Amino acid sequence: PQLPHGHMALPSFWKVVEESLQHSGAQLRAFCQAFETVTPSPGTQPLTPAEERKVLSLVSKHGPDKLYQVTSNISGSRDLDLTLLRGQIVALLQSADTKGNTSRWLVDAGGPRGFVPAAKLRPY
């Protein structure tokens, strides 16, 4: 099978390749900018009334300095792991798991308690 640009001289061929890559790059950048403007960052997501009540109960139980927000969806794979959605608020109970591993934190998700990756939490 003949390539569509197979008849072109090499310098012209590379110019076509470069232009199409630049075009694709520009499209990708435009898409990324549009995506960022459409999706609010976790910090700006308004809480539902149910979430708000949960946050208030977590504050009264644990204090405001123990609250963290989940930065991306977490799907718990091990026993005692929690599955949480981005934007959820949790209270830190312990900054290590039962084996002393500090990359997994024990949190109260306003009912269920369990472990989540510390890297997916940020102070609220």
N, C-alpha and C. Protein backbone atom coordinates (compact mmCIF):
# COMPACT_ATOMS: atom_id res chain seq x y z
N PRO A 1 0.83 -1.20 0.00
CA PRO A 1 0.00 0.00 0.00
C PRO A 1 0.87 1.26 0.00
N GLN A 2 0.45 2.20 -0.78
CA GLN A 2 1.20 3.46 -0.92
C GLN A 2 0.80 4.42 0.21
N LEU A 3 1.80 5.02 0.86
CA LEU A 3 1.51 6.02 1.89
C LEU A 3 1.04 7.30 1.22
N PRO A 4 0.11 8.05 1.86
CA PRO A 4 -0.43 9.25 1.18
C PRO A 4 0.65 10.28 0.84
N HIS A 5 1.71 10.36 1.65
CA HIS A 5 2.75 11.36 1.38
C HIS A 5 4.04 10.70 0.90
N GLY A 6 3.94 9.45 0.42
CA GLY A 6 5.12 8.69 0.01
C GLY A 6 5.86 9.29 -1.17
N HIS A 7 5.16 10.04 -2.00
CA HIS A 7 5.77 10.61 -3.21
C HIS A 7 6.57 11.88 -2.92
N MET A 8 6.42 12.44 -1.70
CA MET A 8 7.05 13.73 -1.39
C MET A 8 8.54 13.58 -1.09
N ALA A 9 9.27 14.65 -1.37
CA ALA A 9 10.68 14.69 -0.98
C ALA A 9 10.76 14.73 0.55
N LEU A 10 11.83 14.18 1.10
CA LEU A 10 11.94 14.06 2.56
C LEU A 10 11.76 15.37 3.31
N PRO A 11 12.41 16.48 2.93
CA PRO A 11 12.21 17.73 3.69
C PRO A 11 10.75 18.16 3.72
N SER A 12 10.05 18.02 2.59
CA SER A 12 8.63 18.40 2.54
C SER A 12 7.81 17.48 3.44
N PHE A 13 8.14 16.17 3.42
CA PHE A 13 7.43 15.19 4.23
C PHE A 13 7.56 15.56 5.72
N TRP A 14 8.78 15.86 6.15
CA TRP A 14 8.99 16.21 7.57
C TRP A 14 8.26 17.49 7.94
N LYS A 15 8.17 18.42 6.97
CA LYS A 15 7.42 19.65 7.22
C LYS A 15 5.94 19.34 7.46
N VAL A 16 5.36 18.44 6.66
CA VAL A 16 3.97 18.03 6.83
C VAL A 16 3.78 17.37 8.20
N VAL A 17 4.70 16.47 8.56
CA VAL A 17 4.64 15.78 9.86
C VAL A 17 4.69 16.80 10.99
N GLU A 18 5.63 17.73 10.89
CA GLU A 18 5.80 18.74 11.95
C GLU A 18 4.55 19.61 12.08
N GLU A 19 3.98 20.03 10.94
CA GLU A 19 2.78 20.86 10.99
C GLU A 19 1.61 20.11 11.61
N SER A 20 1.47 18.81 11.26
CA SER A 20 0.33 18.08 11.83
C SER A 20 0.55 17.85 13.33
N LEU A 21 1.78 17.66 13.75
CA LEU A 21 2.06 17.52 15.20
C LEU A 21 1.76 18.82 15.93
N GLN A 22 2.17 19.95 15.34
CA GLN A 22 1.88 21.25 15.96
C GLN A 22 0.38 21.47 16.08
N HIS A 23 -0.35 21.10 15.01
CA HIS A 23 -1.80 21.24 15.00
C HIS A 23 -2.42 20.39 16.11
N SER A 24 -1.96 19.14 16.22
CA SER A 24 -2.48 18.24 17.27
C SER A 24 -2.15 18.78 18.65
N GLY A 25 -0.96 19.30 18.83
CA GLY A 25 -0.56 19.88 20.11
C GLY A 25 -1.44 21.05 20.49
N ALA A 26 -1.73 21.90 19.51
CA ALA A 26 -2.60 23.06 19.77
C ALA A 26 -4.00 22.60 20.15
N GLN A 27 -4.51 21.57 19.45
CA GLN A 27 -5.84 21.03 19.78
C GLN A 27 -5.86 20.47 21.20
N LEU A 28 -4.80 19.76 21.56
CA LEU A 28 -4.71 19.15 22.89
C LEU A 28 -4.69 20.25 23.97
N ARG A 29 -3.90 21.30 23.72
CA ARG A 29 -3.84 22.41 24.70
C ARG A 29 -5.21 23.06 24.86
N ALA A 30 -5.91 23.28 23.73
CA ALA A 30 -7.23 23.90 23.77
C ALA A 30 -8.20 23.01 24.55
N PHE A 31 -8.11 21.70 24.30
CA PHE A 31 -8.97 20.74 25.00
C PHE A 31 -8.70 20.79 26.50
N CYS A 32 -7.42 20.77 26.88
CA CYS A 32 -7.06 20.81 28.30
C CYS A 32 -7.58 22.07 28.98
N GLN A 33 -7.45 23.22 28.30
CA GLN A 33 -7.94 24.48 28.87
C GLN A 33 -9.46 24.43 29.03
N ALA A 34 -10.16 23.91 28.03
CA ALA A 34 -11.62 23.82 28.10
C ALA A 34 -12.01 22.88 29.24
N PHE A 35 -11.29 21.77 29.38
CA PHE A 35 -11.60 20.79 30.43
C PHE A 35 -11.42 21.42 31.81
N GLU A 36 -10.33 22.18 31.99
CA GLU A 36 -10.06 22.82 33.29
C GLU A 36 -11.12 23.87 33.64
N THR A 37 -11.65 24.56 32.63
CA THR A 37 -12.66 25.57 32.95
C THR A 37 -14.01 24.93 33.26
N VAL A 38 -14.27 23.74 32.67
CA VAL A 38 -15.54 23.07 32.90
C VAL A 38 -15.55 22.34 34.24
N THR A 39 -14.42 21.68 34.58
CA THR A 39 -14.38 20.91 35.83
C THR A 39 -13.85 21.79 36.96
N PRO A 40 -14.64 22.01 37.99
CA PRO A 40 -14.13 22.81 39.11
C PRO A 40 -13.07 22.03 39.86
N SER A 41 -12.10 22.73 40.42
CA SER A 41 -11.09 22.04 41.22
C SER A 41 -11.75 21.58 42.51
N PRO A 42 -11.19 20.55 43.17
CA PRO A 42 -11.84 20.02 44.38
C PRO A 42 -12.11 21.10 45.43
N GLY A 43 -11.26 22.12 45.49
CA GLY A 43 -11.41 23.16 46.51
C GLY A 43 -12.67 23.99 46.33
N THR A 44 -13.17 24.09 45.09
CA THR A 44 -14.31 24.98 44.85
C THR A 44 -15.62 24.22 44.77
N GLN A 45 -15.58 22.89 44.92
CA GLN A 45 -16.82 22.14 44.82
C GLN A 45 -17.72 22.46 46.00
N PRO A 46 -18.93 22.91 45.73
CA PRO A 46 -19.84 23.19 46.85
C PRO A 46 -20.27 21.88 47.49
N LEU A 47 -20.40 21.89 48.81
CA LEU A 47 -20.81 20.69 49.53
C LEU A 47 -22.33 20.57 49.51
N THR A 48 -22.81 19.37 49.41
CA THR A 48 -24.25 19.14 49.51
C THR A 48 -24.65 19.34 50.97
N PRO A 49 -25.93 19.61 51.24
CA PRO A 49 -26.35 19.76 52.64
C PRO A 49 -25.97 18.54 53.50
N ALA A 50 -26.07 17.34 52.93
CA ALA A 50 -25.71 16.13 53.68
C ALA A 50 -24.22 16.13 54.01
N GLU A 51 -23.39 16.49 53.01
CA GLU A 51 -21.94 16.58 53.24
C GLU A 51 -21.64 17.64 54.29
N GLU A 52 -22.36 18.78 54.20
CA GLU A 52 -22.13 19.87 55.15
C GLU A 52 -22.39 19.40 56.58
N ARG A 53 -23.51 18.67 56.78
CA ARG A 53 -23.83 18.14 58.12
C ARG A 53 -22.74 17.19 58.59
N LYS A 54 -22.25 16.37 57.65
CA LYS A 54 -21.19 15.42 57.99
C LYS A 54 -19.92 16.17 58.42
N VAL A 55 -19.58 17.23 57.67
CA VAL A 55 -18.39 18.03 58.00
C VAL A 55 -18.55 18.65 59.38
N LEU A 56 -19.73 19.21 59.66
CA LEU A 56 -19.96 19.81 60.98
C LEU A 56 -19.82 18.78 62.09
N SER A 57 -20.30 17.57 61.85
CA SER A 57 -20.18 16.53 62.88
C SER A 57 -18.72 16.10 63.04
N LEU A 58 -17.97 16.05 61.92
CA LEU A 58 -16.55 15.70 62.00
C LEU A 58 -15.78 16.79 62.76
N VAL A 59 -16.12 18.06 62.50
CA VAL A 59 -15.46 19.17 63.20
C VAL A 59 -15.72 19.08 64.70
N SER A 60 -17.00 18.82 65.06
CA SER A 60 -17.32 18.79 66.49
C SER A 60 -16.65 17.58 67.17
N LYS A 61 -16.49 16.48 66.44
CA LYS A 61 -15.85 15.30 67.02
C LYS A 61 -14.33 15.40 67.08
N HIS A 62 -13.73 15.93 66.00
CA HIS A 62 -12.27 15.84 65.86
C HIS A 62 -11.55 17.19 65.82
N GLY A 63 -12.29 18.29 65.63
CA GLY A 63 -11.65 19.62 65.52
C GLY A 63 -11.33 19.94 64.07
N PRO A 64 -11.34 21.25 63.72
CA PRO A 64 -11.17 21.67 62.33
C PRO A 64 -9.78 21.35 61.77
N ASP A 65 -8.76 21.27 62.63
CA ASP A 65 -7.40 21.04 62.13
C ASP A 65 -7.16 19.59 61.70
N LYS A 66 -8.13 18.72 61.94
CA LYS A 66 -7.99 17.31 61.56
C LYS A 66 -8.69 16.99 60.24
N LEU A 67 -9.34 18.02 59.63
CA LEU A 67 -10.11 17.76 58.41
C LEU A 67 -9.23 17.78 57.17
N TYR A 68 -9.50 16.81 56.30
CA TYR A 68 -8.78 16.70 55.03
C TYR A 68 -9.80 16.49 53.92
N GLN A 69 -9.40 16.93 52.71
CA GLN A 69 -10.26 16.73 51.55
C GLN A 69 -9.58 15.72 50.63
N VAL A 70 -10.39 14.82 50.07
CA VAL A 70 -9.90 13.81 49.15
C VAL A 70 -9.63 14.50 47.80
N THR A 71 -8.39 14.37 47.28
CA THR A 71 -8.02 15.08 46.06
C THR A 71 -8.33 14.30 44.78
N SER A 72 -8.50 12.98 44.88
CA SER A 72 -8.92 12.19 43.72
C SER A 72 -9.60 10.92 44.21
N ASN A 73 -10.41 10.33 43.34
CA ASN A 73 -11.17 9.14 43.75
C ASN A 73 -10.24 8.06 44.31
N ILE A 74 -10.69 7.42 45.36
CA ILE A 74 -9.91 6.36 46.01
C ILE A 74 -10.76 5.09 45.96
N SER A 75 -10.20 4.02 45.43
CA SER A 75 -10.93 2.75 45.51
C SER A 75 -10.13 1.81 46.39
N GLY A 76 -10.69 1.54 47.56
CA GLY A 76 -10.01 0.70 48.54
C GLY A 76 -9.87 -0.73 48.02
N SER A 77 -8.66 -1.27 48.09
CA SER A 77 -8.43 -2.62 47.56
C SER A 77 -8.17 -3.63 48.68
N ARG A 78 -7.65 -3.16 49.82
CA ARG A 78 -7.34 -4.08 50.92
C ARG A 78 -8.43 -4.02 51.98
N ASP A 79 -8.38 -4.96 52.92
CA ASP A 79 -9.29 -4.93 54.07
C ASP A 79 -9.11 -3.60 54.79
N LEU A 80 -10.17 -3.06 55.29
CA LEU A 80 -10.17 -1.81 56.06
C LEU A 80 -9.86 -0.58 55.23
N ASP A 81 -9.71 -0.72 53.90
CA ASP A 81 -9.53 0.45 53.03
C ASP A 81 -10.89 1.06 52.75
N LEU A 82 -10.94 2.39 52.64
CA LEU A 82 -12.19 3.08 52.28
C LEU A 82 -12.19 3.37 50.78
N THR A 83 -13.37 3.41 50.20
CA THR A 83 -13.55 3.88 48.83
C THR A 83 -14.24 5.23 48.93
N LEU A 84 -13.56 6.28 48.46
CA LEU A 84 -14.07 7.66 48.61
C LEU A 84 -14.01 8.38 47.28
N LEU A 85 -14.86 9.41 47.14
CA LEU A 85 -14.88 10.22 45.93
C LEU A 85 -14.10 11.51 46.14
N ARG A 86 -13.55 12.02 45.04
CA ARG A 86 -12.84 13.29 45.08
C ARG A 86 -13.75 14.36 45.67
N GLY A 87 -13.22 15.19 46.56
CA GLY A 87 -13.99 16.29 47.14
C GLY A 87 -14.58 15.94 48.50
N GLN A 88 -14.64 14.63 48.85
CA GLN A 88 -15.19 14.25 50.15
C GLN A 88 -14.28 14.76 51.27
N ILE A 89 -14.90 15.04 52.42
CA ILE A 89 -14.17 15.52 53.58
C ILE A 89 -14.06 14.38 54.59
N VAL A 90 -12.87 14.19 55.14
CA VAL A 90 -12.65 13.16 56.16
C VAL A 90 -11.89 13.78 57.32
N ALA A 91 -11.93 13.10 58.48
CA ALA A 91 -11.16 13.55 59.63
C ALA A 91 -10.03 12.55 59.88
N LEU A 92 -8.85 13.08 60.11
CA LEU A 92 -7.68 12.24 60.37
C LEU A 92 -7.75 11.68 61.79
N LEU A 93 -7.65 10.36 61.91
CA LEU A 93 -7.62 9.72 63.22
C LEU A 93 -6.18 9.35 63.58
N GLN A 94 -5.44 8.88 62.59
CA GLN A 94 -4.06 8.44 62.83
C GLN A 94 -3.28 8.56 61.54
N SER A 95 -2.07 9.15 61.59
CA SER A 95 -1.31 9.35 60.35
C SER A 95 -0.37 8.16 60.07
N ALA A 96 -0.89 6.96 60.32
CA ALA A 96 -0.16 5.72 60.00
C ALA A 96 -1.15 4.57 60.09
N ASP A 97 -0.82 3.43 59.43
CA ASP A 97 -1.69 2.27 59.57
C ASP A 97 -1.22 1.41 60.75
N THR A 98 -1.83 0.25 60.93
CA THR A 98 -1.53 -0.59 62.09
C THR A 98 -0.08 -1.09 62.10
N LYS A 99 0.55 -1.10 60.92
CA LYS A 99 1.95 -1.55 60.85
C LYS A 99 2.92 -0.38 60.92
N GLY A 100 2.38 0.83 61.15
CA GLY A 100 3.24 2.02 61.24
C GLY A 100 3.59 2.62 59.89
N ASN A 101 2.91 2.18 58.84
CA ASN A 101 3.14 2.71 57.49
C ASN A 101 2.49 4.10 57.40
N THR A 102 3.29 5.15 57.22
CA THR A 102 2.76 6.52 57.22
C THR A 102 2.20 6.94 55.87
N SER A 103 2.23 6.06 54.85
CA SER A 103 1.63 6.44 53.57
C SER A 103 0.14 6.08 53.54
N ARG A 104 -0.34 5.35 54.56
CA ARG A 104 -1.77 5.03 54.69
C ARG A 104 -2.26 5.61 56.00
N TRP A 105 -3.29 6.46 55.93
CA TRP A 105 -3.82 7.10 57.13
C TRP A 105 -5.17 6.52 57.51
N LEU A 106 -5.42 6.48 58.81
CA LEU A 106 -6.72 6.06 59.32
C LEU A 106 -7.61 7.31 59.41
N VAL A 107 -8.76 7.26 58.75
CA VAL A 107 -9.65 8.42 58.73
C VAL A 107 -11.08 8.02 59.10
N ASP A 108 -11.82 9.03 59.54
CA ASP A 108 -13.25 8.91 59.81
C ASP A 108 -13.94 9.63 58.66
N ALA A 109 -14.73 8.89 57.88
CA ALA A 109 -15.41 9.50 56.73
C ALA A 109 -16.85 9.89 57.10
N GLY A 110 -17.07 10.17 58.38
CA GLY A 110 -18.41 10.57 58.82
C GLY A 110 -19.32 9.36 58.96
N GLY A 111 -18.79 8.29 59.48
CA GLY A 111 -19.51 7.02 59.63
C GLY A 111 -18.51 5.91 59.48
N PRO A 112 -18.22 5.53 58.21
CA PRO A 112 -17.21 4.49 58.03
C PRO A 112 -15.82 5.00 58.40
N ARG A 113 -15.03 4.14 59.00
CA ARG A 113 -13.63 4.48 59.29
C ARG A 113 -12.75 3.47 58.60
N GLY A 114 -11.62 3.93 58.10
CA GLY A 114 -10.71 3.00 57.43
C GLY A 114 -9.48 3.73 56.93
N PHE A 115 -8.70 3.03 56.14
CA PHE A 115 -7.43 3.56 55.66
C PHE A 115 -7.55 4.11 54.24
N VAL A 116 -6.81 5.20 53.99
CA VAL A 116 -6.73 5.79 52.65
C VAL A 116 -5.28 6.21 52.40
N PRO A 117 -4.87 6.29 51.11
CA PRO A 117 -3.51 6.76 50.82
C PRO A 117 -3.35 8.22 51.24
N ALA A 118 -2.34 8.49 52.06
CA ALA A 118 -2.11 9.86 52.54
C ALA A 118 -1.89 10.84 51.39
N ALA A 119 -1.33 10.35 50.28
CA ALA A 119 -1.02 11.22 49.13
C ALA A 119 -2.28 11.78 48.49
N LYS A 120 -3.45 11.15 48.73
CA LYS A 120 -4.69 11.61 48.11
C LYS A 120 -5.51 12.48 49.06
N LEU A 121 -4.87 12.99 50.11
CA LEU A 121 -5.56 13.88 51.06
C LEU A 121 -4.81 15.20 51.12
N ARG A 122 -5.57 16.27 51.32
CA ARG A 122 -4.91 17.56 51.56
C ARG A 122 -5.72 18.28 52.65
N PRO A 123 -5.02 19.08 53.46
CA PRO A 123 -5.73 19.79 54.55
C PRO A 123 -6.90 20.58 53.99
N TYR A 124 -8.03 20.55 54.69
CA TYR A 124 -9.24 21.23 54.23
C TYR A 124 -9.26 22.65 54.70
